[in-house]
């Protein structure tokens, strides 16, 4: 199991920008690529829901399934 802190959360760096679901998804994809992860079951919890859905949509080669826990589908002001 691998747990990833989104940028600006937990132990991750706090850059000045890039706090969108698309950027978070790209960050997660980079971790998946470096760790050679394929067919993961990706869990989005609470505010991580939009990033999780964007990750699965944009990088299907890494995600086999998505589980949403107490999460919404889109962040306010974002669209697909």
PDB file of N, CA and C in Angstrom:
ATOM      1  N   UNK A   1       0.852  -1.182   0.000  1.00  0.00           N
ATOM      2  CA  UNK A   1       0.000   0.000   0.000  1.00  0.00           C
ATOM      3  C   UNK A   1       0.892   1.238   0.000  1.00  0.00           C
ATOM      4  N   UNK A   2       0.436   2.254  -0.705  1.00  0.00           N
ATOM      5  CA  UNK A   2       1.155   3.515  -0.793  1.00  0.00           C
ATOM      6  C   UNK A   2       0.158   4.637  -0.547  1.00  0.00           C
ATOM      7  N   UNK A   3       0.489   5.535   0.368  1.00  0.00           N
ATOM      8  CA  UNK A   3      -0.359   6.696   0.636  1.00  0.00           C
ATOM      9  C   UNK A   3       0.392   7.942   0.180  1.00  0.00           C
ATOM     10  N   UNK A   4      -0.297   8.793  -0.568  1.00  0.00           N
ATOM     11  CA  UNK A   4       0.320   9.998  -1.123  1.00  0.00           C
ATOM     12  C   UNK A   4      -0.354  11.221  -0.531  1.00  0.00           C
ATOM     13  N   UNK A   5       0.440  12.145   0.004  1.00  0.00           N
ATOM     14  CA  UNK A   5      -0.094  13.434   0.431  1.00  0.00           C
ATOM     15  C   UNK A   5      -0.157  14.344  -0.791  1.00  0.00           C
ATOM     16  N   UNK A   6      -1.303  14.965  -1.025  1.00  0.00           N
ATOM     17  CA  UNK A   6      -1.393  15.934  -2.120  1.00  0.00           C
ATOM     18  C   UNK A   6      -0.497  17.132  -1.803  1.00  0.00           C
ATOM     19  N   UNK A   7      -0.045  17.824  -2.846  1.00  0.00           N
ATOM     20  CA  UNK A   7       0.824  18.980  -2.628  1.00  0.00           C
ATOM     21  C   UNK A   7       0.151  19.958  -1.668  1.00  0.00           C
ATOM     22  N   UNK A   8       0.941  20.443  -0.718  1.00  0.00           N
ATOM     23  CA  UNK A   8       0.431  21.374   0.273  1.00  0.00           C
ATOM     24  C   UNK A   8      -0.280  20.724   1.446  1.00  0.00           C
ATOM     25  N   UNK A   9      -0.353  19.395   1.470  1.00  0.00           N
ATOM     26  CA  UNK A   9      -1.028  18.669   2.547  1.00  0.00           C
ATOM     27  C   UNK A   9      -0.032  17.707   3.199  1.00  0.00           C
ATOM     28  N   UNK A  10      -0.252  17.420   4.452  1.00  0.00           N
ATOM     29  CA  UNK A  10       0.583  16.436   5.145  1.00  0.00           C
ATOM     30  C   UNK A  10       2.051  16.809   5.108  1.00  0.00           C
ATOM     31  N   UNK A  11       2.886  15.882   4.647  1.00  0.00           N
ATOM     32  CA  UNK A  11       4.336  16.094   4.617  1.00  0.00           C
ATOM     33  C   UNK A  11       4.848  16.547   3.247  1.00  0.00           C
ATOM     34  N   UNK A  12       3.953  16.850   2.327  1.00  0.00           N
ATOM     35  CA  UNK A  12       4.393  17.256   0.993  1.00  0.00           C
ATOM     36  C   UNK A  12       4.873  18.706   1.005  1.00  0.00           C
ATOM     37  N   UNK A  13       5.572  19.085  -0.073  1.00  0.00           N
ATOM     38  CA  UNK A  13       6.012  20.465  -0.234  1.00  0.00           C
ATOM     39  C   UNK A  13       4.804  21.387  -0.355  1.00  0.00           C
ATOM     40  N   UNK A  14       5.024  22.665  -0.105  1.00  0.00           N
ATOM     41  CA  UNK A  14       3.961  23.658  -0.190  1.00  0.00           C
ATOM     42  C   UNK A  14       4.350  24.702  -1.245  1.00  0.00           C
ATOM     43  N   UNK A  15       4.191  24.352  -2.536  1.00  0.00           N
ATOM     44  CA  UNK A  15       4.516  25.331  -3.576  1.00  0.00           C
ATOM     45  C   UNK A  15       3.460  26.429  -3.625  1.00  0.00           C
ATOM     46  N   UNK A  16       3.787  27.510  -4.328  1.00  0.00           N
ATOM     47  CA  UNK A  16       2.853  28.645  -4.417  1.00  0.00           C
ATOM     48  C   UNK A  16       1.649  28.357  -5.295  1.00  0.00           C
ATOM     49  N   UNK A  17       1.758  27.438  -6.241  1.00  0.00           N
ATOM     50  CA  UNK A  17       0.648  27.188  -7.153  1.00  0.00           C
ATOM     51  C   UNK A  17       0.465  25.715  -7.436  1.00  0.00           C
ATOM     52  N   UNK A  18      -0.527  25.439  -8.292  1.00  0.00           N
ATOM     53  CA  UNK A  18      -0.764  24.067  -8.722  1.00  0.00           C
ATOM     54  C   UNK A  18      -1.738  23.290  -7.870  1.00  0.00           C
ATOM     55  N   UNK A  19      -2.659  23.973  -7.233  1.00  0.00           N
ATOM     56  CA  UNK A  19      -3.599  23.302  -6.334  1.00  0.00           C
ATOM     57  C   UNK A  19      -4.926  22.985  -7.017  1.00  0.00           C
ATOM     58  N   UNK A  20      -4.848  22.386  -8.200  1.00  0.00           N
ATOM     59  CA  UNK A  20      -6.055  21.972  -8.913  1.00  0.00           C
ATOM     60  C   UNK A  20      -6.102  20.456  -8.949  1.00  0.00           C
ATOM     61  N   UNK A  21      -7.278  19.927  -9.238  1.00  0.00           N
ATOM     62  CA  UNK A  21      -7.403  18.473  -9.351  1.00  0.00           C
ATOM     63  C   UNK A  21      -6.504  17.941 -10.470  1.00  0.00           C
ATOM     64  N   UNK A  22      -6.377  18.693 -11.561  1.00  0.00           N
ATOM     65  CA  UNK A  22      -5.525  18.254 -12.669  1.00  0.00           C
ATOM     66  C   UNK A  22      -4.060  18.188 -12.253  1.00  0.00           C
ATOM     67  N   UNK A  23      -3.592  19.175 -11.508  1.00  0.00           N
ATOM     68  CA  UNK A  23      -2.192  19.151 -11.070  1.00  0.00           C
ATOM     69  C   UNK A  23      -1.969  18.057 -10.035  1.00  0.00           C
ATOM     70  N   UNK A  24      -2.907  17.897  -9.106  1.00  0.00           N
ATOM     71  CA  UNK A  24      -2.773  16.823  -8.123  1.00  0.00           C
ATOM     72  C   UNK A  24      -2.743  15.464  -8.822  1.00  0.00           C
ATOM     73  N   UNK A  25      -3.575  15.289  -9.833  1.00  0.00           N
ATOM     74  CA  UNK A  25      -3.591  14.031 -10.590  1.00  0.00           C
ATOM     75  C   UNK A  25      -2.252  13.802 -11.279  1.00  0.00           C
ATOM     76  N   UNK A  26      -1.682  14.854 -11.845  1.00  0.00           N
ATOM     77  CA  UNK A  26      -0.376  14.732 -12.493  1.00  0.00           C
ATOM     78  C   UNK A  26       0.700  14.374 -11.472  1.00  0.00           C
ATOM     79  N   UNK A  27       0.618  14.950 -10.287  1.00  0.00           N
ATOM     80  CA  UNK A  27       1.573  14.617  -9.226  1.00  0.00           C
ATOM     81  C   UNK A  27       1.470  13.136  -8.843  1.00  0.00           C
ATOM     82  N   UNK A  28       0.237  12.662  -8.689  1.00  0.00           N
ATOM     83  CA  UNK A  28       0.025  11.257  -8.326  1.00  0.00           C
ATOM     84  C   UNK A  28       0.510  10.337  -9.446  1.00  0.00           C
ATOM     85  N   UNK A  29       0.270  10.732 -10.691  1.00  0.00           N
ATOM     86  CA  UNK A  29       0.735   9.925 -11.823  1.00  0.00           C
ATOM     87  C   UNK A  29       2.254   9.829 -11.835  1.00  0.00           C
ATOM     88  N   UNK A  30       2.922  10.901 -11.480  1.00  0.00           N
ATOM     89  CA  UNK A  30       4.390  10.873 -11.432  1.00  0.00           C
ATOM     90  C   UNK A  30       4.874   9.896 -10.362  1.00  0.00           C
ATOM     91  N   UNK A  31       4.224   9.875  -9.219  1.00  0.00           N
ATOM     92  CA  UNK A  31       4.569   8.900  -8.175  1.00  0.00           C
ATOM     93  C   UNK A  31       4.322   7.482  -8.685  1.00  0.00           C
ATOM     94  N   UNK A  32       3.170   7.261  -9.317  1.00  0.00           N
ATOM     95  CA  UNK A  32       2.844   5.931  -9.848  1.00  0.00           C
ATOM     96  C   UNK A  32       3.875   5.493 -10.886  1.00  0.00           C
ATOM     97  N   UNK A  33       4.284   6.419 -11.746  1.00  0.00           N
ATOM     98  CA  UNK A  33       5.279   6.097 -12.768  1.00  0.00           C
ATOM     99  C   UNK A  33       6.610   5.715 -12.130  1.00  0.00           C
ATOM    100  N   UNK A  34       7.066   6.519 -11.177  1.00  0.00           N
ATOM    101  CA  UNK A  34       8.352   6.251 -10.525  1.00  0.00           C
ATOM    102  C   UNK A  34       8.340   4.953  -9.730  1.00  0.00           C
ATOM    103  N   UNK A  35       7.188   4.626  -9.151  1.00  0.00           N
ATOM    104  CA  UNK A  35       7.069   3.407  -8.340  1.00  0.00           C
ATOM    105  C   UNK A  35       6.663   2.195  -9.183  1.00  0.00           C
ATOM    106  N   UNK A  36       6.480   2.425 -10.490  1.00  0.00           N
ATOM    107  CA  UNK A  36       6.080   1.349 -11.417  1.00  0.00           C
ATOM    108  C   UNK A  36       4.768   0.685 -10.999  1.00  0.00           C
ATOM    109  N   UNK A  37       3.831   1.520 -10.612  1.00  0.00           N
ATOM    110  CA  UNK A  37       2.515   1.039 -10.183  1.00  0.00           C
ATOM    111  C   UNK A  37       1.604   0.921 -11.394  1.00  0.00           C
ATOM    112  N   UNK A  38       0.906  -0.180 -11.485  1.00  0.00           N
ATOM    113  CA  UNK A  38      -0.091  -0.411 -12.531  1.00  0.00           C
ATOM    114  C   UNK A  38      -1.304  -1.074 -11.885  1.00  0.00           C
ATOM    115  N   UNK A  39      -2.479  -0.809 -12.416  1.00  0.00           N
ATOM    116  CA  UNK A  39      -3.704  -1.469 -11.958  1.00  0.00           C
ATOM    117  C   UNK A  39      -3.988  -1.260 -10.476  1.00  0.00           C
ATOM    118  N   UNK A  40      -3.770  -0.066  -9.990  1.00  0.00           N
ATOM    119  CA  UNK A  40      -4.006   0.239  -8.578  1.00  0.00           C
ATOM    120  C   UNK A  40      -5.489   0.452  -8.308  1.00  0.00           C
ATOM    121  N   UNK A  41      -5.895   0.148  -7.110  1.00  0.00           N
ATOM    122  CA  UNK A  41      -7.211   0.546  -6.618  1.00  0.00           C
ATOM    123  C   UNK A  41      -6.966   1.867  -5.905  1.00  0.00           C
ATOM    124  N   UNK A  42      -7.520   2.936  -6.448  1.00  0.00           N
ATOM    125  CA  UNK A  42      -7.237   4.285  -5.982  1.00  0.00           C
ATOM    126  C   UNK A  42      -8.380   4.754  -5.094  1.00  0.00           C
ATOM    127  N   UNK A  43      -8.044   5.230  -3.898  1.00  0.00           N
ATOM    128  CA  UNK A  43      -9.054   5.671  -2.935  1.00  0.00           C
ATOM    129  C   UNK A  43      -8.970   7.176  -2.770  1.00  0.00           C
ATOM    130  N   UNK A  44     -10.099   7.839  -2.971  1.00  0.00           N
ATOM    131  CA  UNK A  44     -10.191   9.273  -2.742  1.00  0.00           C
ATOM    132  C   UNK A  44     -11.048   9.530  -1.524  1.00  0.00           C
ATOM    133  N   UNK A  45     -10.500  10.254  -0.571  1.00  0.00           N
ATOM    134  CA  UNK A  45     -11.224  10.543   0.668  1.00  0.00           C
ATOM    135  C   UNK A  45     -11.465  12.045   0.777  1.00  0.00           C
ATOM    136  N   UNK A  46     -12.666  12.414   1.120  1.00  0.00           N
ATOM    137  CA  UNK A  46     -13.069  13.803   1.381  1.00  0.00           C
ATOM    138  C   UNK A  46     -12.612  14.723   0.251  1.00  0.00           C
ATOM    139  N   UNK A  47     -11.788  15.725   0.545  1.00  0.00           N
ATOM    140  CA  UNK A  47     -11.350  16.700  -0.446  1.00  0.00           C
ATOM    141  C   UNK A  47     -10.476  16.129  -1.541  1.00  0.00           C
ATOM    142  N   UNK A  48      -9.996  14.906  -1.374  1.00  0.00           N
ATOM    143  CA  UNK A  48      -9.189  14.265  -2.405  1.00  0.00           C
ATOM    144  C   UNK A  48     -10.005  13.636  -3.516  1.00  0.00           C
ATOM    145  N   UNK A  49     -11.316  13.661  -3.404  1.00  0.00           N
ATOM    146  CA  UNK A  49     -12.186  13.051  -4.408  1.00  0.00           C
ATOM    147  C   UNK A  49     -11.983  13.567  -5.819  1.00  0.00           C
ATOM    148  N   UNK A  50     -11.991  14.891  -6.026  1.00  0.00           N
ATOM    149  CA  UNK A  50     -11.809  15.393  -7.382  1.00  0.00           C
ATOM    150  C   UNK A  50     -10.458  14.988  -7.994  1.00  0.00           C
ATOM    151  N   UNK A  51      -9.414  15.016  -7.204  1.00  0.00           N
ATOM    152  CA  UNK A  51      -8.086  14.621  -7.696  1.00  0.00           C
ATOM    153  C   UNK A  51      -8.061  13.143  -8.056  1.00  0.00           C
ATOM    154  N   UNK A  52      -8.732  12.337  -7.268  1.00  0.00           N
ATOM    155  CA  UNK A  52      -8.791  10.901  -7.525  1.00  0.00           C
ATOM    156  C   UNK A  52      -9.520  10.607  -8.832  1.00  0.00           C
ATOM    157  N   UNK A  53     -10.654  11.256  -9.037  1.00  0.00           N
ATOM    158  CA  UNK A  53     -11.400  11.053 -10.275  1.00  0.00           C
ATOM    159  C   UNK A  53     -10.617  11.557 -11.485  1.00  0.00           C
ATOM    160  N   UNK A  54      -9.962  12.690 -11.338  1.00  0.00           N
ATOM    161  CA  UNK A  54      -9.153  13.231 -12.431  1.00  0.00           C
ATOM    162  C   UNK A  54      -7.983  12.300 -12.744  1.00  0.00           C
ATOM    163  N   UNK A  55      -7.372  11.743 -11.719  1.00  0.00           N
ATOM    164  CA  UNK A  55      -6.274  10.795 -11.913  1.00  0.00           C
ATOM    165  C   UNK A  55      -6.751   9.579 -12.702  1.00  0.00           C
ATOM    166  N   UNK A  56      -7.857   9.008 -12.305  1.00  0.00           N
ATOM    167  CA  UNK A  56      -8.377   7.813 -12.987  1.00  0.00           C
ATOM    168  C   UNK A  56      -8.778   8.131 -14.423  1.00  0.00           C
ATOM    169  N   UNK A  57      -9.323   9.315 -14.665  1.00  0.00           N
ATOM    170  CA  UNK A  57      -9.747   9.721 -16.008  1.00  0.00           C
ATOM    171  C   UNK A  57      -8.546  10.008 -16.905  1.00  0.00           C
ATOM    172  N   UNK A  58      -7.565  10.716 -16.388  1.00  0.00           N
ATOM    173  CA  UNK A  58      -6.432  11.144 -17.202  1.00  0.00           C
ATOM    174  C   UNK A  58      -5.319  10.106 -17.326  1.00  0.00           C
ATOM    175  N   UNK A  59      -5.232   9.203 -16.367  1.00  0.00           N
ATOM    176  CA  UNK A  59      -4.141   8.219 -16.338  1.00  0.00           C
ATOM    177  C   UNK A  59      -4.700   6.817 -16.095  1.00  0.00           C
ATOM    178  N   UNK A  60      -5.551   6.330 -16.989  1.00  0.00           N
ATOM    179  CA  UNK A  60      -6.197   5.026 -16.770  1.00  0.00           C
ATOM    180  C   UNK A  60      -5.224   3.857 -16.730  1.00  0.00           C
ATOM    181  N   UNK A  61      -4.025   4.034 -17.245  1.00  0.00           N
ATOM    182  CA  UNK A  61      -3.032   2.960 -17.205  1.00  0.00           C
ATOM    183  C   UNK A  61      -2.581   2.640 -15.778  1.00  0.00           C
ATOM    184  N   UNK A  62      -2.847   3.537 -14.838  1.00  0.00           N
ATOM    185  CA  UNK A  62      -2.425   3.313 -13.454  1.00  0.00           C
ATOM    186  C   UNK A  62      -3.565   2.844 -12.550  1.00  0.00           C
ATOM    187  N   UNK A  63      -4.804   3.138 -12.922  1.00  0.00           N
ATOM    188  CA  UNK A  63      -5.935   2.877 -12.024  1.00  0.00           C
ATOM    189  C   UNK A  63      -6.827   1.761 -12.553  1.00  0.00           C
ATOM    190  N   UNK A  64      -6.988   0.734 -11.755  1.00  0.00           N
ATOM    191  CA  UNK A  64      -7.900  -0.365 -12.106  1.00  0.00           C
ATOM    192  C   UNK A  64      -9.303  -0.074 -11.592  1.00  0.00           C
ATOM    193  N   UNK A  65      -9.384   0.552 -10.430  1.00  0.00           N
ATOM    194  CA  UNK A  65     -10.671   0.857  -9.812  1.00  0.00           C
ATOM    195  C   UNK A  65     -10.530   2.094  -8.935  1.00  0.00           C
ATOM    196  N   UNK A  66     -11.664   2.735  -8.678  1.00  0.00           N
ATOM    197  CA  UNK A  66     -11.697   3.919  -7.828  1.00  0.00           C
ATOM    198  C   UNK A  66     -12.687   3.684  -6.701  1.00  0.00           C
ATOM    199  N   UNK A  67     -12.294   4.058  -5.506  1.00  0.00           N
ATOM    200  CA  UNK A  67     -13.175   4.012  -4.339  1.00  0.00           C
ATOM    201  C   UNK A  67     -13.252   5.436  -3.795  1.00  0.00           C
ATOM    202  N   UNK A  68     -14.478   5.933  -3.642  1.00  0.00           N
ATOM    203  CA  UNK A  68     -14.672   7.267  -3.090  1.00  0.00           C
ATOM    204  C   UNK A  68     -15.264   7.134  -1.692  1.00  0.00           C
ATOM    205  N   UNK A  69     -14.654   7.814  -0.730  1.00  0.00           N
ATOM    206  CA  UNK A  69     -15.103   7.761   0.657  1.00  0.00           C
ATOM    207  C   UNK A  69     -15.396   9.183   1.126  1.00  0.00           C
ATOM    208  N   UNK A  70     -16.666   9.447   1.397  1.00  0.00           N
ATOM    209  CA  UNK A  70     -17.072  10.759   1.908  1.00  0.00           C
ATOM    210  C   UNK A  70     -16.494  11.884   1.051  1.00  0.00           C
ATOM    211  N   UNK A  71     -16.612  11.745  -0.278  1.00  0.00           N
ATOM    212  CA  UNK A  71     -15.994  12.692  -1.201  1.00  0.00           C
ATOM    213  C   UNK A  71     -17.005  13.194  -2.216  1.00  0.00           C
ATOM    214  N   UNK A  72     -16.734  14.389  -2.723  1.00  0.00           N
ATOM    215  CA  UNK A  72     -17.546  14.938  -3.807  1.00  0.00           C
ATOM    216  C   UNK A  72     -16.839  14.674  -5.126  1.00  0.00           C
ATOM    217  N   UNK A  73     -17.564  14.844  -6.211  1.00  0.00           N
ATOM    218  CA  UNK A  73     -17.007  14.539  -7.521  1.00  0.00           C
ATOM    219  C   UNK A  73     -16.134  15.623  -8.104  1.00  0.00           C
ATOM    220  N   UNK A  74     -16.507  16.881  -7.976  1.00  0.00           N
ATOM    221  CA  UNK A  74     -15.743  17.974  -8.555  1.00  0.00           C
ATOM    222  C   UNK A  74     -15.473  19.039  -7.504  1.00  0.00           C
ATOM    223  N   UNK A  75     -14.302  19.645  -7.605  1.00  0.00           N
ATOM    224  CA  UNK A  75     -14.003  20.777  -6.739  1.00  0.00           C
ATOM    225  C   UNK A  75     -14.783  21.977  -7.236  1.00  0.00           C
ATOM    226  N   UNK A  76     -15.133  22.872  -6.359  1.00  0.00           N
ATOM    227  CA  UNK A  76     -15.883  24.049  -6.752  1.00  0.00           C
ATOM    228  C   UNK A  76     -15.112  24.827  -7.808  1.00  0.00           C
ATOM    229  N   UNK A  77     -15.774  25.170  -8.897  1.00  0.00           N
ATOM    230  CA  UNK A  77     -15.167  25.941  -9.959  1.00  0.00           C
ATOM    231  C   UNK A  77     -14.386  25.131 -10.976  1.00  0.00           C
ATOM    232  N   UNK A  78     -14.296  23.816 -10.803  1.00  0.00           N
ATOM    233  CA  UNK A  78     -13.570  22.986 -11.753  1.00  0.00           C
ATOM    234  C   UNK A  78     -14.558  22.219 -12.610  1.00  0.00           C
ATOM    235  N   UNK A  79     -14.124  21.918 -13.829  1.00  0.00           N
ATOM    236  CA  UNK A  79     -14.931  21.098 -14.709  1.00  0.00           C
ATOM    237  C   UNK A  79     -14.031  20.181 -15.492  1.00  0.00           C
ATOM    238  N   UNK A  80     -14.646  19.233 -16.182  1.00  0.00           N
ATOM    239  CA  UNK A  80     -13.885  18.301 -17.013  1.00  0.00           C
ATOM    240  C   UNK A  80     -14.126  18.684 -18.416  1.00  0.00           C
TER     241      UNK A  80
END
